[in-house]
Protein backbone atom coordinates (compact mmCIF):
# COMPACT_ATOMS: atom_id res chain seq x y z
CA MET A 1 -55.93 18.34 34.23
CA LYS A 2 -57.02 16.50 31.09
CA THR A 3 -55.17 17.01 27.82
CA ARG A 4 -57.46 18.50 25.20
CA PRO A 5 -58.35 16.19 22.26
CA TYR A 6 -56.82 18.44 19.57
CA VAL A 7 -53.48 18.45 21.47
CA VAL A 8 -53.47 14.63 21.61
CA ALA A 9 -54.19 14.49 17.89
CA ALA A 10 -51.39 16.93 17.11
CA ARG A 11 -48.89 14.96 19.18
CA ARG A 12 -49.97 11.74 17.50
CA ALA A 13 -49.47 13.30 14.05
CA MET A 14 -46.02 14.53 15.03
CA ALA A 15 -45.04 11.09 16.31
CA LEU A 16 -46.23 9.44 13.11
CA ALA A 17 -44.29 11.95 11.01
CA ALA A 18 -41.11 11.34 13.05
CA ALA A 19 -41.49 7.59 12.70
CA ALA A 20 -41.97 7.90 8.96
CA SER A 21 -38.90 10.11 8.70
CA ALA A 22 -36.81 7.63 10.71
CA LEU A 23 -38.06 4.78 8.54
CA CYS A 24 -37.09 6.63 5.36
CA ALA A 25 -33.66 7.43 6.79
CA GLY A 26 -33.16 3.80 7.78
CA THR A 27 -34.23 2.62 4.34
CA ALA A 28 -31.83 5.08 2.69
CA PHE A 29 -28.98 3.81 4.85
CA ALA A 30 -29.92 0.20 4.12
CA ASP A 31 -29.82 0.95 0.40
CA GLN A 32 -26.35 2.49 0.63
CA THR A 33 -23.55 0.17 -0.49
CA VAL A 34 -21.06 -0.53 2.29
CA ILE A 35 -17.40 -0.95 1.29
CA GLY A 36 -14.57 -1.80 3.68
CA LEU A 37 -10.92 -0.76 3.48
CA ILE A 38 -8.30 -2.43 5.69
CA THR A 39 -4.72 -1.17 5.43
CA LYS A 40 -1.52 -2.34 7.10
CA THR A 41 -1.23 0.87 9.13
CA ASP A 42 -2.84 4.30 9.14
CA THR A 43 0.45 6.19 9.51
CA ASN A 44 2.48 5.23 6.43
CA PRO A 45 1.87 7.95 3.78
CA PHE A 46 1.26 5.22 1.19
CA PHE A 47 -1.78 3.96 3.12
CA VAL A 48 -2.92 7.45 4.06
CA LYS A 49 -3.16 8.24 0.36
CA MET A 50 -4.86 4.91 -0.33
CA LYS A 51 -7.52 5.81 2.24
CA GLU A 52 -7.99 9.23 0.61
CA GLY A 53 -8.51 7.57 -2.75
CA ALA A 54 -11.10 5.18 -1.31
CA GLU A 55 -12.94 8.00 0.50
CA SER A 56 -13.11 10.11 -2.64
CA ALA A 57 -14.38 7.21 -4.77
CA ALA A 58 -16.94 6.20 -2.13
CA GLN A 59 -18.29 9.74 -1.93
CA LYS A 60 -18.52 9.94 -5.72
CA ASP A 61 -20.36 6.60 -5.94
CA GLY A 62 -22.64 7.21 -2.94
CA ALA A 63 -21.15 4.35 -0.92
CA LYS A 64 -20.46 4.18 2.81
CA LEU A 65 -16.79 3.46 3.53
CA LEU A 66 -15.68 1.59 6.65
CA THR A 67 -11.95 1.78 7.40
CA ALA A 68 -9.54 -0.02 9.72
CA ALA A 69 -5.79 -0.56 10.01
CA GLY A 70 -3.25 -2.54 11.94
CA ARG A 71 -1.41 -0.88 14.81
CA TYR A 72 1.84 -1.74 13.01
CA ASP A 73 2.98 -3.40 9.78
CA GLY A 74 2.47 -7.11 10.44
CA ASP A 75 -0.52 -6.77 12.80
CA ASN A 76 -2.58 -9.67 11.46
CA ALA A 77 -4.87 -9.89 14.50
CA ALA A 78 -6.23 -6.38 13.93
CA GLN A 79 -6.93 -7.17 10.28
CA VAL A 80 -8.75 -10.40 11.21
CA THR A 81 -10.98 -8.46 13.61
CA ALA A 82 -11.64 -5.79 10.99
CA LEU A 83 -12.68 -8.39 8.40
CA GLU A 84 -15.13 -9.94 10.86
CA ASN A 85 -16.56 -6.59 11.93
CA MET A 86 -17.00 -5.32 8.38
CA THR A 87 -18.67 -8.55 7.27
CA THR A 88 -21.09 -8.28 10.19
CA ALA A 89 -21.74 -4.62 9.30
CA GLY A 90 -22.94 -5.66 5.86
CA ALA A 91 -19.97 -4.76 3.65
CA LYS A 92 -20.51 -5.95 0.09
CA ALA A 93 -16.81 -5.66 -0.71
CA ILE A 94 -13.68 -5.41 1.43
CA LEU A 95 -10.37 -4.04 0.13
CA ILE A 96 -7.31 -5.18 2.08
CA THR A 97 -3.54 -4.72 2.06
CA PRO A 98 -2.65 -7.90 3.96
CA SER A 99 -0.01 -7.60 6.68
CA ASP A 100 0.55 -11.37 6.89
CA THR A 101 -0.17 -12.75 3.46
CA LYS A 102 -0.66 -16.35 4.64
CA ALA A 103 -2.22 -15.95 8.09
CA ILE A 104 -5.03 -13.72 6.81
CA VAL A 105 -6.27 -16.27 4.25
CA PRO A 106 -8.69 -18.24 6.52
CA SER A 107 -10.42 -14.99 7.54
CA ILE A 108 -10.70 -13.91 3.91
CA LYS A 109 -12.27 -17.29 3.07
CA LYS A 110 -14.90 -16.74 5.78
CA ALA A 111 -15.75 -13.30 4.43
CA ARG A 112 -16.06 -14.60 0.88
CA ALA A 113 -18.24 -17.49 2.06
CA ALA A 114 -20.57 -14.87 3.56
CA GLY A 115 -20.94 -13.24 0.14
CA VAL A 116 -18.34 -10.51 0.47
CA MET A 117 -16.11 -9.75 -2.52
CA VAL A 118 -12.54 -9.36 -1.24
CA ILE A 119 -9.91 -7.48 -3.24
CA ALA A 120 -6.24 -7.29 -2.25
CA LEU A 121 -4.60 -3.92 -2.84
CA ASP A 122 -0.82 -3.54 -3.34
CA THR A 123 0.10 -6.84 -1.64
CA PRO A 124 -1.08 -10.23 -2.95
CA THR A 125 -2.17 -12.91 -0.52
CA ASP A 126 -0.42 -16.28 -0.46
CA PRO A 127 -1.90 -17.93 -2.47
CA GLN A 128 -2.89 -15.00 -4.66
CA ASP A 129 -6.26 -16.53 -5.58
CA ALA A 130 -7.39 -16.40 -1.93
CA THR A 131 -8.97 -13.05 -2.89
CA ASP A 132 -11.37 -12.40 -5.73
CA GLY A 133 -8.95 -9.95 -7.31
CA LEU A 134 -5.69 -8.05 -6.89
CA PHE A 135 -5.20 -4.38 -7.80
CA ALA A 136 -1.50 -3.64 -7.45
CA THR A 137 1.79 -2.50 -8.83
CA ASN A 138 3.78 -5.25 -10.46
CA ASN A 139 6.12 -5.35 -7.47
CA PHE A 140 8.62 -7.62 -9.20
CA LYS A 141 8.80 -5.14 -12.09
CA ALA A 142 9.24 -2.24 -9.64
CA GLY A 143 12.22 -4.01 -8.10
CA GLU A 144 13.58 -4.96 -11.50
CA LEU A 145 13.53 -1.32 -12.66
CA ILE A 146 15.60 -0.04 -9.74
CA GLY A 147 17.93 -3.04 -10.06
CA GLU A 148 18.58 -2.25 -13.73
CA TYR A 149 19.10 1.39 -12.87
CA ALA A 150 21.54 0.65 -10.02
CA LYS A 151 23.59 -1.68 -12.23
CA LYS A 152 23.92 0.98 -14.94
CA ALA A 153 24.59 3.80 -12.48
CA LEU A 154 27.40 1.85 -10.84
CA GLY A 155 29.26 2.03 -14.15
CA GLY A 156 31.02 -1.31 -13.96
CA LYS A 157 32.50 -0.82 -10.47
CA PRO A 158 32.43 -3.88 -8.20
CA ALA A 159 29.18 -3.85 -6.23
CA LYS A 160 28.90 -4.09 -2.47
CA ILE A 161 25.17 -4.22 -1.89
CA ALA A 162 23.05 -3.82 1.24
CA THR A 163 19.41 -4.90 0.98
CA LEU A 164 17.07 -3.26 3.49
CA ASP A 165 14.08 -5.55 3.21
CA LEU A 166 10.56 -5.75 4.67
CA ALA A 167 10.11 -8.90 6.80
CA PRO A 168 10.23 -12.67 6.24
CA GLY A 169 7.39 -14.26 4.31
CA ILE A 170 5.56 -11.11 3.12
CA SER A 171 4.93 -11.40 -0.59
CA VAL A 172 5.37 -7.73 -1.53
CA GLY A 173 8.80 -7.67 0.09
CA ILE A 174 9.88 -10.90 -1.57
CA LEU A 175 8.71 -9.74 -5.00
CA ARG A 176 10.51 -6.39 -4.77
CA HIS A 177 13.71 -7.96 -3.43
CA ASN A 178 13.78 -10.67 -6.10
CA GLY A 179 12.97 -8.13 -8.82
CA PHE A 180 15.91 -6.00 -7.73
CA LEU A 181 18.25 -9.00 -7.91
CA GLN A 182 16.92 -9.87 -11.37
CA GLY A 183 17.37 -6.31 -12.61
CA PHE A 184 20.89 -6.12 -11.19
CA GLY A 185 21.73 -9.45 -12.78
CA ILE A 186 22.53 -11.46 -9.65
CA LYS A 187 20.93 -14.22 -7.60
CA GLN A 188 20.26 -14.62 -3.91
CA GLY A 189 23.51 -15.52 -2.13
CA ASP A 190 25.70 -13.63 -4.59
CA PRO A 191 28.89 -12.44 -2.82
CA SER A 192 28.19 -8.86 -3.89
CA ILE A 193 25.34 -8.81 -1.33
CA VAL A 194 27.35 -7.97 1.78
CA CYS A 195 24.46 -7.24 4.18
CA SER A 196 20.71 -7.89 4.43
CA GLN A 197 18.48 -6.49 7.16
CA ASP A 198 14.72 -6.31 7.75
CA THR A 199 13.16 -2.88 8.35
CA ARG A 200 9.37 -3.44 8.19
CA GLY A 201 9.39 -0.38 5.95
CA ASP A 202 10.00 1.89 8.93
CA GLN A 203 12.37 4.89 8.88
CA SER A 204 13.91 4.37 12.32
CA LYS A 205 14.36 0.65 11.65
CA GLY A 206 15.86 1.53 8.26
CA GLN A 207 18.40 3.78 9.98
CA ALA A 208 19.31 1.10 12.53
CA ALA A 209 19.61 -1.51 9.76
CA MET A 210 21.95 0.73 7.74
CA GLU A 211 24.08 1.39 10.82
CA ASN A 212 24.39 -2.35 11.36
CA CYS A 213 25.32 -2.92 7.74
CA LEU A 214 28.00 -0.21 7.83
CA GLN A 215 29.57 -1.87 10.85
CA LYS A 216 29.56 -5.19 9.04
CA ALA A 217 30.68 -3.89 5.63
CA PRO A 218 31.95 -0.27 5.60
CA GLY A 219 32.53 -0.33 1.82
CA ILE A 220 28.87 -0.61 0.80
CA ASN A 221 28.18 1.36 -2.39
CA VAL A 222 24.62 0.28 -3.32
CA VAL A 223 21.59 0.21 -1.00
CA TYR A 224 18.32 -1.39 -2.06
CA THR A 225 15.40 -0.34 0.17
CA ILE A 226 11.92 -1.84 0.38
CA ASN A 227 10.33 1.63 0.48
CA GLU A 228 11.13 5.32 0.89
CA PRO A 229 10.79 5.57 4.69
CA ALA A 230 13.47 2.85 4.93
CA ALA A 231 15.51 4.77 2.33
CA ALA A 232 15.25 7.96 4.40
CA GLY A 233 16.53 6.07 7.43
CA ALA A 234 19.39 4.61 5.40
CA TYR A 235 20.37 8.06 4.13
CA ARG A 236 20.39 9.48 7.64
CA ALA A 237 22.73 6.71 8.81
CA LEU A 238 25.02 7.21 5.83
CA LYS A 239 25.09 10.98 6.32
CA THR A 240 25.95 10.59 10.00
CA ALA A 241 28.78 8.26 9.01
CA GLY A 242 30.00 10.71 6.35
CA LYS A 243 29.30 8.22 3.55
CA ASP A 244 26.22 9.77 1.93
CA LYS A 245 28.09 11.02 -1.17
CA GLY A 246 29.56 7.68 -2.19
CA VAL A 247 26.56 5.36 -1.85
CA LEU A 248 23.73 4.84 -4.35
CA ILE A 249 20.28 4.39 -2.74
CA VAL A 250 17.39 3.03 -4.78
CA SER A 251 13.85 2.52 -3.55
CA ILE A 252 10.18 1.88 -4.31
CA ASP A 253 6.95 3.86 -3.73
CA GLY A 254 7.22 7.19 -5.54
CA GLY A 255 5.45 9.07 -2.78
CA CYS A 256 5.63 12.86 -2.70
CA GLU A 257 8.26 12.97 0.05
CA GLY A 258 10.24 10.19 -1.61
CA VAL A 259 10.28 12.02 -4.94
CA ARG A 260 11.45 15.17 -3.16
CA ASN A 261 14.28 13.07 -1.72
CA VAL A 262 15.17 11.98 -5.25
CA LYS A 263 15.18 15.62 -6.33
CA ALA A 264 17.47 16.47 -3.39
CA GLY A 265 19.87 13.70 -4.39
CA GLU A 266 19.31 11.59 -1.28
CA ILE A 267 17.76 8.76 -3.31
CA ALA A 268 19.13 8.09 -6.79
CA ALA A 269 15.95 6.56 -8.20
CA THR A 270 12.60 5.23 -7.05
CA ALA A 271 9.90 3.13 -8.69
CA GLN A 272 6.63 5.04 -8.46
CA GLN A 273 3.38 3.23 -7.78
CA TYR A 274 -0.17 4.56 -7.49
CA PRO A 275 -2.10 3.64 -4.30
CA LEU A 276 -4.83 6.24 -4.83
CA LYS A 277 -5.65 4.57 -8.14
CA MET A 278 -5.66 1.10 -6.53
CA ALA A 279 -8.16 2.16 -3.88
CA ALA A 280 -10.43 4.08 -6.25
CA MET A 281 -10.60 1.13 -8.62
CA GLY A 282 -11.35 -1.17 -5.69
CA VAL A 283 -14.26 0.95 -4.47
CA GLU A 284 -15.67 1.21 -7.99
CA ALA A 285 -15.48 -2.58 -8.37
CA GLY A 286 -17.23 -3.02 -5.01
CA VAL A 287 -20.09 -0.70 -5.94
CA ASP A 288 -20.45 -2.47 -9.28
CA TYR A 289 -20.63 -5.83 -7.50
CA ALA A 290 -23.35 -4.53 -5.18
CA LYS A 291 -25.39 -3.34 -8.17
CA THR A 292 -24.82 -6.17 -10.65
CA GLY A 293 -23.43 -9.14 -8.72
CA LYS A 294 -20.41 -9.17 -11.04
CA LYS A 295 -17.13 -9.91 -9.26
CA VAL A 296 -13.65 -8.96 -10.38
CA SER A 297 -11.10 -11.69 -10.93
CA GLY A 298 -7.35 -12.04 -11.37
CA TYR A 299 -4.69 -9.36 -11.32
CA THR A 300 -5.03 -5.75 -12.48
CA ASP A 301 -1.72 -3.91 -12.96
CA THR A 302 -2.01 -0.32 -11.71
CA GLY A 303 1.31 0.76 -13.23
CA VAL A 304 4.87 1.61 -12.19
CA THR A 305 7.28 4.35 -13.38
CA LEU A 306 10.98 4.81 -12.61
CA ILE A 307 11.63 8.32 -11.27
CA THR A 308 15.12 9.87 -11.40
CA ASP A 309 16.84 13.09 -12.40
CA LYS A 310 19.90 11.15 -13.55
CA PRO A 311 18.56 8.88 -16.31
CA MET A 312 20.55 5.89 -17.52
CA SER A 313 20.67 4.77 -21.14
CA GLY A 314 18.44 1.76 -21.78
CA VAL A 315 16.35 2.21 -18.61
CA ASP A 316 13.00 3.96 -19.15
CA SER A 317 12.40 6.73 -16.61
CA LYS A 318 10.68 10.04 -15.90
CA ASP A 319 12.07 13.03 -14.01
CA THR A 320 11.05 14.36 -10.60
CA LYS A 321 8.75 16.96 -12.19
CA PHE A 322 6.62 14.10 -13.50
CA GLY A 323 7.06 12.28 -10.21
CA LEU A 324 5.75 15.19 -8.13
CA GLU A 325 2.83 15.74 -10.50
CA ASN A 326 1.82 12.09 -10.14
CA CYS A 327 3.01 11.10 -6.67
CA TRP A 328 0.63 8.63 -5.03
CA GLY A 329 -1.50 8.78 -8.17
CA LYS A 330 -3.03 12.22 -7.68
């Protein structure tokens, strides 16, 4: 049975309309700016909030956001793969919190050579100028603030300090640690530092590290922690050992849970940073680059505030009410 001519014509018209629609959709997608975000992990609340900030900014600016994360803090291989995939997918800008600040540099160079603007968020690469720009807390200043606070809060008593650090060779950990020492008025190797352990910013590793330190030096009275998950682990170990009332814990991040821990008295003070702001600024810079070809350069300080309900004279701080209103930069 032959198909009638008017049916053939109708089908042809429908096919042409569908093809035109698909072409328009493809053109619209091609015109959409693609921005990439690569975080250290997708479980740490800090990076969860950073992703939220990037998603919100991308939606506002009409950009398509690609996201990826390492399986754990320090997973450089996953970040290398993400950089390659996002470059291939046509990303105009890639925002990254580098897990290994040195090992990631060759991959960043390849992306930049392909015309991608790369911005480090929170953690500078080594060297810092391996990226086009850095949007981050002044991590040295964050450490310095909690060091100054801990020194004042100790009230002249001899210090026995445990440092619960990040991991060897990661710039953000080094900057925070060295800032704390500067603020406290001591140098690396000072006898008041009775224990140092790496935690990778993880709560369970923070607890294990604190347990190890208590075995080594039971009289610890000050604990510096790289971030609030590590601080929560340290507090749990101290509480189990019956020492939670006599030890001062200071930390960095200023996340909502961390500020609540300050309010509860588990952490004495924390230095609040603003990852949502970092990510939003990064997306905005990426969209601007796609439109104008103008790249960012150098370091942009996204701010840091000491949060405590027990302020010390001479150390600028805000209370936990402010901290909860501004946690993660919301």
